Amino acid sequence: MFPELVSMKIWRRRVFDVIDRHWGYAYEPNSKVRQRNFDLAAETARVSDKVVCVSEGLVTELSGNVAPQLLPNAIDLERVKRSAVNGPGVRSNTAVYAGGWNERLDHELLAELVRRNPEWQFAFVGADPDERFSHFSNVKFFGDVPYDTVLRELSQARIGLIPFVSNSFTESSNFLKILDYLASGVTIGATDLASLREWNERYPDTFKILENLEEWDELFSCAGDADLRTSDLLEGGDMIRYGTMTRALSLVSTA
């Protein structure tokens, strides 16, 4: 985000593609730094010819001289299917959380779910070992792994976890993991965030909004009986495949 560079006359097109709310992370302790980062983003949007955001929350925040356009994340469905290692319905009682391990997570909720469900394995993909979970024998931390490894783990699991706290970052994000979870066919359990309710409305049988521990427990009770397979839920519609170049061409074609 360099508004002074973006505003230079040498540029034929100025396209600002906002893929995350990195100026408002819950774990950024310095409020002045958060505000400065947001101001830079807002100024960059102001001097751009086109602003594209991945979530409605970002569109609202960056609205100014140029009305931002919504271009949601998308997924390569064929890659998901190629990464599946088991046949239809062959799953273990495993719950996967894929993604960054930081303060957007409700760690207390996650630890309670692990404690309450010792018969389930919990795979934290993308996270390094956390001492808060060191005494649980049913937890495995994978660390940073290739994307295909994430998809392979999901293809063997039954539940995809989104145990987030509610803050400005989580409410303004469009989480790529949702598409990975849906395409992999897992049952999804998520805490109640306004940014996630649309997914629950679109896929009520697959995407579960859970408001308390009792509802989380029910999810684990029911998911073990489901006959899951790699999902075709995302075929068609607006979940088209965007490779890096395809997305870039989409951004500049109408600038």
C-alpha atoms as a PDB file:
ATOM      1  CA  MET A   1       0.000   0.000   0.000  1.00  0.00           C
ATOM      2  CA  PHE A   2       1.969   2.961  -1.346  1.00  0.00           C
ATOM      3  CA  PRO A   3      -0.521   5.664  -2.310  1.00  0.00           C
ATOM      4  CA  GLU A   4       2.244   8.080  -3.297  1.00  0.00           C
ATOM      5  CA  LEU A   5       3.470   5.562  -5.885  1.00  0.00           C
ATOM      6  CA  VAL A   6       0.022   4.514  -7.041  1.00  0.00           C
ATOM      7  CA  SER A   7      -0.895   8.139  -7.745  1.00  0.00           C
ATOM      8  CA  MET A   8       2.078   8.682 -10.094  1.00  0.00           C
ATOM      9  CA  LYS A   9       1.087   9.528 -13.660  1.00  0.00           C
ATOM     10  CA  ILE A  10       3.316   6.844 -15.199  1.00  0.00           C
ATOM     11  CA  TRP A  11       0.648   4.188 -14.538  1.00  0.00           C
ATOM     12  CA  ARG A  12      -1.857   3.503 -17.306  1.00  0.00           C
ATOM     13  CA  ARG A  13      -4.131   1.604 -14.901  1.00  0.00           C
ATOM     14  CA  ARG A  14      -4.243   1.554 -11.152  1.00  0.00           C
ATOM     15  CA  VAL A  15      -5.942  -1.571  -9.775  1.00  0.00           C
ATOM     16  CA  PHE A  16      -5.983  -2.192  -6.017  1.00  0.00           C
ATOM     17  CA  ASP A  17      -6.821  -5.828  -5.235  1.00  0.00           C
ATOM     18  CA  VAL A  18      -7.623  -6.138  -1.532  1.00  0.00           C
ATOM     19  CA  ILE A  19      -7.436  -9.782  -0.494  1.00  0.00           C
ATOM     20  CA  ASP A  20      -7.356  -9.399   3.281  1.00  0.00           C
ATOM     21  CA  ARG A  21      -7.891  -6.936   6.111  1.00  0.00           C
ATOM     22  CA  HIS A  22      -4.243  -6.916   7.128  1.00  0.00           C
ATOM     23  CA  TRP A  23      -4.491  -3.448   8.656  1.00  0.00           C
ATOM     24  CA  GLY A  24      -6.823  -4.660  11.412  1.00  0.00           C
ATOM     25  CA  TYR A  25      -5.503  -7.960  12.727  1.00  0.00           C
ATOM     26  CA  ALA A  26      -6.735  -8.663  16.227  1.00  0.00           C
ATOM     27  CA  TYR A  27      -3.206  -9.580  17.256  1.00  0.00           C
ATOM     28  CA  GLU A  28      -1.687  -6.208  16.211  1.00  0.00           C
ATOM     29  CA  PRO A  29      -1.170  -4.715  19.700  1.00  0.00           C
ATOM     30  CA  ASN A  30      -0.482  -1.138  18.644  1.00  0.00           C
ATOM     31  CA  SER A  31      -3.662   0.766  17.817  1.00  0.00           C
ATOM     32  CA  LYS A  32      -1.668   3.543  16.132  1.00  0.00           C
ATOM     33  CA  VAL A  33      -0.093   1.032  13.772  1.00  0.00           C
ATOM     34  CA  ARG A  34      -3.507  -0.455  12.966  1.00  0.00           C
ATOM     35  CA  GLN A  35      -4.903   2.996  12.194  1.00  0.00           C
ATOM     36  CA  ARG A  36      -1.876   3.956  10.088  1.00  0.00           C
ATOM     37  CA  ASN A  37      -2.184   0.779   8.029  1.00  0.00           C
ATOM     38  CA  PHE A  38      -5.875   1.367   7.491  1.00  0.00           C
ATOM     39  CA  ASP A  39      -5.250   4.978   6.448  1.00  0.00           C
ATOM     40  CA  LEU A  40      -2.696   3.778   3.891  1.00  0.00           C
ATOM     41  CA  ALA A  41      -5.195   1.276   2.488  1.00  0.00           C
ATOM     42  CA  ALA A  42      -7.961   3.880   2.309  1.00  0.00           C
ATOM     43  CA  GLU A  43      -5.683   6.385   0.584  1.00  0.00           C
ATOM     44  CA  THR A  44      -4.482   3.751  -1.892  1.00  0.00           C
ATOM     45  CA  ALA A  45      -8.102   2.954  -2.711  1.00  0.00           C
ATOM     46  CA  ARG A  46      -8.842   6.651  -3.165  1.00  0.00           C
ATOM     47  CA  VAL A  47      -6.107   7.156  -5.797  1.00  0.00           C
ATOM     48  CA  SER A  48      -6.792   3.896  -7.674  1.00  0.00           C
ATOM     49  CA  ASP A  49      -8.828   3.590 -10.854  1.00  0.00           C
ATOM     50  CA  LYS A  50     -10.369   0.323  -9.725  1.00  0.00           C
ATOM     51  CA  VAL A  51     -10.682  -1.301  -6.309  1.00  0.00           C
ATOM     52  CA  VAL A  52     -11.550  -4.986  -5.981  1.00  0.00           C
ATOM     53  CA  CYS A  53     -12.238  -6.680  -2.626  1.00  0.00           C
ATOM     54  CA  VAL A  54     -12.854 -10.293  -1.609  1.00  0.00           C
ATOM     55  CA  SER A  55     -15.527  -9.555   0.999  1.00  0.00           C
ATOM     56  CA  GLU A  56     -18.522  -7.293   1.527  1.00  0.00           C
ATOM     57  CA  GLY A  57     -16.910  -6.001   4.716  1.00  0.00           C
ATOM     58  CA  LEU A  58     -13.900  -4.733   2.783  1.00  0.00           C
ATOM     59  CA  VAL A  59     -16.107  -3.195   0.093  1.00  0.00           C
ATOM     60  CA  THR A  60     -17.938  -1.223   2.772  1.00  0.00           C
ATOM     61  CA  GLU A  61     -14.772  -0.092   4.536  1.00  0.00           C
ATOM     62  CA  LEU A  62     -12.989   1.115   1.393  1.00  0.00           C
ATOM     63  CA  SER A  63     -15.910   2.824  -0.318  1.00  0.00           C
ATOM     64  CA  GLY A  64     -14.894   6.333  -1.334  1.00  0.00           C
ATOM     65  CA  ASN A  65     -14.262   8.126  -4.608  1.00  0.00           C
ATOM     66  CA  VAL A  66     -14.239   4.787  -6.445  1.00  0.00           C
ATOM     67  CA  ALA A  67     -16.904   2.242  -5.533  1.00  0.00           C
ATOM     68  CA  PRO A  68     -15.089  -1.054  -4.849  1.00  0.00           C
ATOM     69  CA  GLN A  69     -16.235  -4.171  -6.679  1.00  0.00           C
ATOM     70  CA  LEU A  70     -16.696  -7.550  -5.021  1.00  0.00           C
ATOM     71  CA  LEU A  71     -14.642 -10.386  -6.504  1.00  0.00           C
ATOM     72  CA  PRO A  72     -14.859 -13.303  -4.043  1.00  0.00           C
ATOM     73  CA  ASN A  73     -12.239 -15.961  -3.647  1.00  0.00           C
ATOM     74  CA  ALA A  74     -12.583 -19.023  -5.825  1.00  0.00           C
ATOM     75  CA  ILE A  75     -11.109 -22.519  -6.010  1.00  0.00           C
ATOM     76  CA  ASP A  76      -9.684 -25.037  -8.470  1.00  0.00           C
ATOM     77  CA  LEU A  77     -12.153 -27.901  -8.071  1.00  0.00           C
ATOM     78  CA  GLU A  78     -10.201 -30.290 -10.263  1.00  0.00           C
ATOM     79  CA  ARG A  79      -7.139 -29.897  -8.057  1.00  0.00           C
ATOM     80  CA  VAL A  80      -9.227 -30.740  -5.003  1.00  0.00           C
ATOM     81  CA  LYS A  81     -10.491 -33.919  -6.632  1.00  0.00           C
ATOM     82  CA  ARG A  82      -6.986 -34.942  -7.727  1.00  0.00           C
ATOM     83  CA  SER A  83      -5.722 -34.568  -4.148  1.00  0.00           C
ATOM     84  CA  ALA A  84      -8.323 -36.895  -2.637  1.00  0.00           C
ATOM     85  CA  VAL A  85      -6.613 -40.068  -1.405  1.00  0.00           C
ATOM     86  CA  ASN A  86      -9.644 -42.146  -0.436  1.00  0.00           C
ATOM     87  CA  GLY A  87     -12.673 -43.378  -2.300  1.00  0.00           C
ATOM     88  CA  PRO A  88     -16.169 -41.995  -1.718  1.00  0.00           C
ATOM     89  CA  GLY A  89     -17.278 -42.191   1.886  1.00  0.00           C
ATOM     90  CA  VAL A  90     -13.935 -43.432   3.268  1.00  0.00           C
ATOM     91  CA  ARG A  91     -13.243 -41.036   6.131  1.00  0.00           C
ATOM     92  CA  SER A  92     -11.755 -41.153   9.617  1.00  0.00           C
ATOM     93  CA  ASN A  93     -13.127 -39.385  12.681  1.00  0.00           C
ATOM     94  CA  THR A  94     -10.803 -36.451  12.227  1.00  0.00           C
ATOM     95  CA  ALA A  95     -11.512 -32.736  12.588  1.00  0.00           C
ATOM     96  CA  VAL A  96      -9.237 -30.391  10.640  1.00  0.00           C
ATOM     97  CA  TYR A  97      -8.426 -26.749  11.172  1.00  0.00           C
ATOM     98  CA  ALA A  98      -6.480 -25.392   8.184  1.00  0.00           C
ATOM     99  CA  GLY A  99      -4.900 -21.967   8.261  1.00  0.00           C
ATOM    100  CA  GLY A 100      -3.064 -19.429  10.355  1.00  0.00           C
ATOM    101  CA  TRP A 101      -2.681 -20.025  14.077  1.00  0.00           C
ATOM    102  CA  ASN A 102      -3.206 -16.657  15.716  1.00  0.00           C
ATOM    103  CA  GLU A 103      -5.523 -14.561  17.869  1.00  0.00           C
ATOM    104  CA  ARG A 104      -8.483 -14.813  15.502  1.00  0.00           C
ATOM    105  CA  LEU A 105      -8.859 -18.364  16.850  1.00  0.00           C
ATOM    106  CA  ASP A 106     -10.907 -19.060  19.959  1.00  0.00           C
ATOM    107  CA  HIS A 107      -8.215 -21.187  21.594  1.00  0.00           C
ATOM    108  CA  GLU A 108     -10.281 -21.899  24.699  1.00  0.00           C
ATOM    109  CA  LEU A 109     -13.159 -23.236  22.608  1.00  0.00           C
ATOM    110  CA  LEU A 110     -10.789 -25.322  20.524  1.00  0.00           C
ATOM    111  CA  ALA A 111      -9.119 -26.836  23.586  1.00  0.00           C
ATOM    112  CA  GLU A 112     -12.521 -27.668  25.086  1.00  0.00           C
ATOM    113  CA  LEU A 113     -13.595 -29.415  21.869  1.00  0.00           C
ATOM    114  CA  VAL A 114     -10.412 -31.503  21.935  1.00  0.00           C
ATOM    115  CA  ARG A 115     -10.961 -32.377  25.596  1.00  0.00           C
ATOM    116  CA  ARG A 116     -14.622 -33.311  25.123  1.00  0.00           C
ATOM    117  CA  ASN A 117     -13.995 -35.526  22.089  1.00  0.00           C
ATOM    118  CA  PRO A 118     -11.060 -37.844  22.909  1.00  0.00           C
ATOM    119  CA  GLU A 119     -12.278 -40.380  20.334  1.00  0.00           C
ATOM    120  CA  TRP A 120     -11.687 -37.837  17.578  1.00  0.00           C
ATOM    121  CA  GLN A 121      -8.333 -36.863  16.077  1.00  0.00           C
ATOM    122  CA  PHE A 122      -7.654 -33.140  15.583  1.00  0.00           C
ATOM    123  CA  ALA A 123      -5.355 -32.071  12.753  1.00  0.00           C
ATOM    124  CA  PHE A 124      -4.112 -28.480  12.833  1.00  0.00           C
ATOM    125  CA  VAL A 125      -2.710 -27.908   9.367  1.00  0.00           C
ATOM    126  CA  GLY A 126      -0.554 -24.836   8.894  1.00  0.00           C
ATOM    127  CA  ALA A 127       0.149 -24.460  12.597  1.00  0.00           C
ATOM    128  CA  ASP A 128       3.282 -25.154  14.610  1.00  0.00           C
ATOM    129  CA  PRO A 129       3.009 -26.988  17.955  1.00  0.00           C
ATOM    130  CA  ASP A 130       1.276 -24.982  20.661  1.00  0.00           C
ATOM    131  CA  GLU A 131       2.115 -25.838  24.267  1.00  0.00           C
ATOM    132  CA  ARG A 132      -1.511 -25.195  25.260  1.00  0.00           C
ATOM    133  CA  PHE A 133      -2.350 -28.464  23.469  1.00  0.00           C
ATOM    134  CA  SER A 134       0.766 -30.470  24.384  1.00  0.00           C
ATOM    135  CA  HIS A 135      -1.043 -32.665  26.911  1.00  0.00           C
ATOM    136  CA  PHE A 136      -3.638 -33.889  24.384  1.00  0.00           C
ATOM    137  CA  SER A 137      -2.797 -37.187  22.695  1.00  0.00           C
ATOM    138  CA  ASN A 138      -5.415 -36.720  19.964  1.00  0.00           C
ATOM    139  CA  VAL A 139      -3.865 -33.565  18.445  1.00  0.00           C
ATOM    140  CA  LYS A 140      -1.377 -33.323  15.583  1.00  0.00           C
ATOM    141  CA  PHE A 141       0.246 -30.097  14.398  1.00  0.00           C
ATOM    142  CA  PHE A 142       1.374 -30.172  10.770  1.00  0.00           C
ATOM    143  CA  GLY A 143       3.183 -26.831  10.480  1.00  0.00           C
ATOM    144  CA  ASP A 144       3.479 -25.149   7.094  1.00  0.00           C
ATOM    145  CA  VAL A 145       2.764 -27.704   4.386  1.00  0.00           C
ATOM    146  CA  PRO A 146       2.036 -27.581   0.631  1.00  0.00           C
ATOM    147  CA  TYR A 147      -1.531 -26.820  -0.417  1.00  0.00           C
ATOM    148  CA  ASP A 148      -2.019 -30.328  -1.797  1.00  0.00           C
ATOM    149  CA  THR A 149      -1.218 -31.728   1.657  1.00  0.00           C
ATOM    150  CA  VAL A 150      -3.995 -29.573   3.118  1.00  0.00           C
ATOM    151  CA  LEU A 151      -6.427 -30.948   0.548  1.00  0.00           C
ATOM    152  CA  ARG A 152      -5.279 -34.516   1.191  1.00  0.00           C
ATOM    153  CA  GLU A 153      -5.869 -34.191   4.935  1.00  0.00           C
ATOM    154  CA  LEU A 154      -9.324 -32.751   4.328  1.00  0.00           C
ATOM    155  CA  SER A 155     -10.195 -35.603   1.980  1.00  0.00           C
ATOM    156  CA  GLN A 156      -9.647 -38.032   4.882  1.00  0.00           C
ATOM    157  CA  ALA A 157     -11.457 -36.004   7.548  1.00  0.00           C
ATOM    158  CA  ARG A 158     -15.098 -35.589   8.547  1.00  0.00           C
ATOM    159  CA  ILE A 159     -15.155 -32.085  10.047  1.00  0.00           C
ATOM    160  CA  GLY A 160     -13.658 -28.758   9.018  1.00  0.00           C
ATOM    161  CA  LEU A 161     -13.301 -26.301  11.897  1.00  0.00           C
ATOM    162  CA  ILE A 162     -13.743 -22.506  11.920  1.00  0.00           C
ATOM    163  CA  PRO A 163     -13.597 -21.720  15.665  1.00  0.00           C
ATOM    164  CA  PHE A 164     -13.028 -17.966  15.432  1.00  0.00           C
ATOM    165  CA  VAL A 165     -13.592 -15.047  17.748  1.00  0.00           C
ATOM    166  CA  SER A 166     -15.630 -12.113  16.496  1.00  0.00           C
ATOM    167  CA  ASN A 167     -13.591  -9.011  15.718  1.00  0.00           C
ATOM    168  CA  SER A 168     -13.059  -6.515  12.909  1.00  0.00           C
ATOM    169  CA  PHE A 169     -10.673  -8.849  11.093  1.00  0.00           C
ATOM    170  CA  THR A 170     -12.848 -11.962  11.073  1.00  0.00           C
ATOM    171  CA  GLU A 171     -15.967  -9.981  10.166  1.00  0.00           C
ATOM    172  CA  SER A 172     -14.246  -8.424   7.131  1.00  0.00           C
ATOM    173  CA  SER A 173     -12.619 -11.551   5.739  1.00  0.00           C
ATOM    174  CA  ASN A 174     -13.519 -14.018   3.034  1.00  0.00           C
ATOM    175  CA  PHE A 175     -11.869 -17.202   4.231  1.00  0.00           C
ATOM    176  CA  LEU A 176     -10.327 -19.404   1.561  1.00  0.00           C
ATOM    177  CA  LYS A 177     -10.566 -22.361   3.925  1.00  0.00           C
ATOM    178  CA  ILE A 178     -14.359 -22.332   3.478  1.00  0.00           C
ATOM    179  CA  LEU A 179     -13.984 -23.202  -0.197  1.00  0.00           C
ATOM    180  CA  ASP A 180     -11.400 -25.874   0.614  1.00  0.00           C
ATOM    181  CA  TYR A 181     -13.746 -27.367   3.214  1.00  0.00           C
ATOM    182  CA  LEU A 182     -16.822 -27.290   0.966  1.00  0.00           C
ATOM    183  CA  ALA A 183     -14.994 -28.743  -2.017  1.00  0.00           C
ATOM    184  CA  SER A 184     -13.463 -31.491   0.139  1.00  0.00           C
ATOM    185  CA  GLY A 185     -16.881 -32.589   1.368  1.00  0.00           C
ATOM    186  CA  VAL A 186     -16.345 -32.215   5.108  1.00  0.00           C
ATOM    187  CA  THR A 187     -19.075 -31.068   7.474  1.00  0.00           C
ATOM    188  CA  ILE A 188     -18.179 -27.541   8.574  1.00  0.00           C
ATOM    189  CA  GLY A 189     -18.550 -26.226  12.120  1.00  0.00           C
ATOM    190  CA  ALA A 190     -18.197 -22.480  12.607  1.00  0.00           C
ATOM    191  CA  THR A 191     -18.755 -19.980  15.378  1.00  0.00           C
ATOM    192  CA  ASP A 192     -21.471 -17.411  14.778  1.00  0.00           C
ATOM    193  CA  LEU A 193     -20.020 -14.559  12.705  1.00  0.00           C
ATOM    194  CA  ALA A 194     -22.041 -12.260  10.500  1.00  0.00           C
ATOM    195  CA  SER A 195     -19.498 -12.834   7.723  1.00  0.00           C
ATOM    196  CA  LEU A 196     -20.240 -16.595   7.807  1.00  0.00           C
ATOM    197  CA  ARG A 197     -24.031 -16.637   7.948  1.00  0.00           C
ATOM    198  CA  GLU A 198     -24.407 -16.388   4.178  1.00  0.00           C
ATOM    199  CA  TRP A 199     -22.505 -19.660   3.836  1.00  0.00           C
ATOM    200  CA  ASN A 200     -24.864 -21.285   6.322  1.00  0.00           C
ATOM    201  CA  GLU A 201     -27.838 -20.023   4.315  1.00  0.00           C
ATOM    202  CA  ARG A 202     -26.395 -21.341   1.056  1.00  0.00           C
ATOM    203  CA  TYR A 203     -25.307 -24.737   2.391  1.00  0.00           C
ATOM    204  CA  PRO A 204     -27.354 -25.413   5.562  1.00  0.00           C
ATOM    205  CA  ASP A 205     -26.773 -29.183   5.433  1.00  0.00           C
ATOM    206  CA  THR A 206     -23.002 -28.785   5.236  1.00  0.00           C
ATOM    207  CA  PHE A 207     -22.122 -25.464   6.864  1.00  0.00           C
ATOM    208  CA  LYS A 208     -23.215 -25.341  10.516  1.00  0.00           C
ATOM    209  CA  ILE A 209     -23.270 -22.161  12.611  1.00  0.00           C
ATOM    210  CA  LEU A 210     -22.756 -23.220  16.243  1.00  0.00           C
ATOM    211  CA  GLU A 211     -23.545 -20.887  19.121  1.00  0.00           C
ATOM    212  CA  ASN A 212     -22.542 -22.912  22.192  1.00  0.00           C
ATOM    213  CA  LEU A 213     -20.695 -26.009  23.347  1.00  0.00           C
ATOM    214  CA  GLU A 214     -23.830 -28.135  23.264  1.00  0.00           C
ATOM    215  CA  GLU A 215     -24.251 -27.420  19.562  1.00  0.00           C
ATOM    216  CA  TRP A 216     -20.578 -28.196  18.946  1.00  0.00           C
ATOM    217  CA  ASP A 217     -20.974 -31.506  20.767  1.00  0.00           C
ATOM    218  CA  GLU A 218     -23.965 -32.342  18.587  1.00  0.00           C
ATOM    219  CA  LEU A 219     -21.872 -31.677  15.493  1.00  0.00           C
ATOM    220  CA  PHE A 220     -19.278 -34.231  16.597  1.00  0.00           C
ATOM    221  CA  SER A 221     -21.995 -36.746  17.482  1.00  0.00           C
ATOM    222  CA  CYS A 222     -23.646 -36.539  14.067  1.00  0.00           C
ATOM    223  CA  ALA A 223     -20.641 -36.107  11.791  1.00  0.00           C
ATOM    224  CA  GLY A 224     -19.280 -39.555  12.602  1.00  0.00           C
ATOM    225  CA  ASP A 225     -22.324 -41.156  10.972  1.00  0.00           C
ATOM    226  CA  ALA A 226     -22.260 -39.127   7.753  1.00  0.00           C
ATOM    227  CA  ASP A 227     -21.364 -40.787   4.435  1.00  0.00           C
ATOM    228  CA  LEU A 228     -19.112 -38.062   3.071  1.00  0.00           C
ATOM    229  CA  ARG A 229     -17.546 -37.772  -0.329  1.00  0.00           C
ATOM    230  CA  THR A 230     -15.728 -35.088  -2.280  1.00  0.00           C
ATOM    231  CA  SER A 231     -18.405 -32.504  -2.822  1.00  0.00           C
ATOM    232  CA  ASP A 232     -19.740 -31.046  -6.061  1.00  0.00           C
ATOM    233  CA  LEU A 233     -21.477 -28.248  -4.155  1.00  0.00           C
ATOM    234  CA  LEU A 234     -19.279 -25.616  -5.745  1.00  0.00           C
ATOM    235  CA  GLU A 235     -19.680 -26.706  -9.377  1.00  0.00           C
ATOM    236  CA  GLY A 236     -20.928 -23.796 -11.458  1.00  0.00           C
ATOM    237  CA  GLY A 237     -22.282 -20.690  -9.809  1.00  0.00           C
ATOM    238  CA  ASP A 238     -19.778 -18.007  -8.892  1.00  0.00           C
ATOM    239  CA  MET A 239     -17.104 -20.366  -7.529  1.00  0.00           C
ATOM    240  CA  ILE A 240     -15.224 -20.447 -10.833  1.00  0.00           C
ATOM    241  CA  ARG A 241     -11.583 -21.379 -10.943  1.00  0.00           C
ATOM    242  CA  TYR A 242      -9.103 -18.526 -10.648  1.00  0.00           C
ATOM    243  CA  GLY A 243      -5.473 -19.233 -11.250  1.00  0.00           C
ATOM    244  CA  THR A 244      -3.143 -16.322 -10.496  1.00  0.00           C
ATOM    245  CA  MET A 245      -3.035 -15.150 -14.113  1.00  0.00           C
ATOM    246  CA  THR A 246      -6.774 -15.569 -14.652  1.00  0.00           C
ATOM    247  CA  ARG A 247      -7.504 -13.426 -11.618  1.00  0.00           C
ATOM    248  CA  ALA A 248      -5.003 -10.797 -12.770  1.00  0.00           C
ATOM    249  CA  LEU A 249      -6.621 -10.599 -16.207  1.00  0.00           C
ATOM    250  CA  SER A 250     -10.061 -10.308 -14.603  1.00  0.00           C
ATOM    251  CA  LEU A 251      -8.853  -7.401 -12.507  1.00  0.00           C
ATOM    252  CA  VAL A 252      -7.358  -5.357 -15.324  1.00  0.00           C
ATOM    253  CA  SER A 253      -9.791  -6.159 -18.141  1.00  0.00           C
ATOM    254  CA  THR A 254     -12.410  -3.671 -16.991  1.00  0.00           C
ATOM    255  CA  ALA A 255     -10.156  -1.163 -15.235  1.00  0.00           C
END
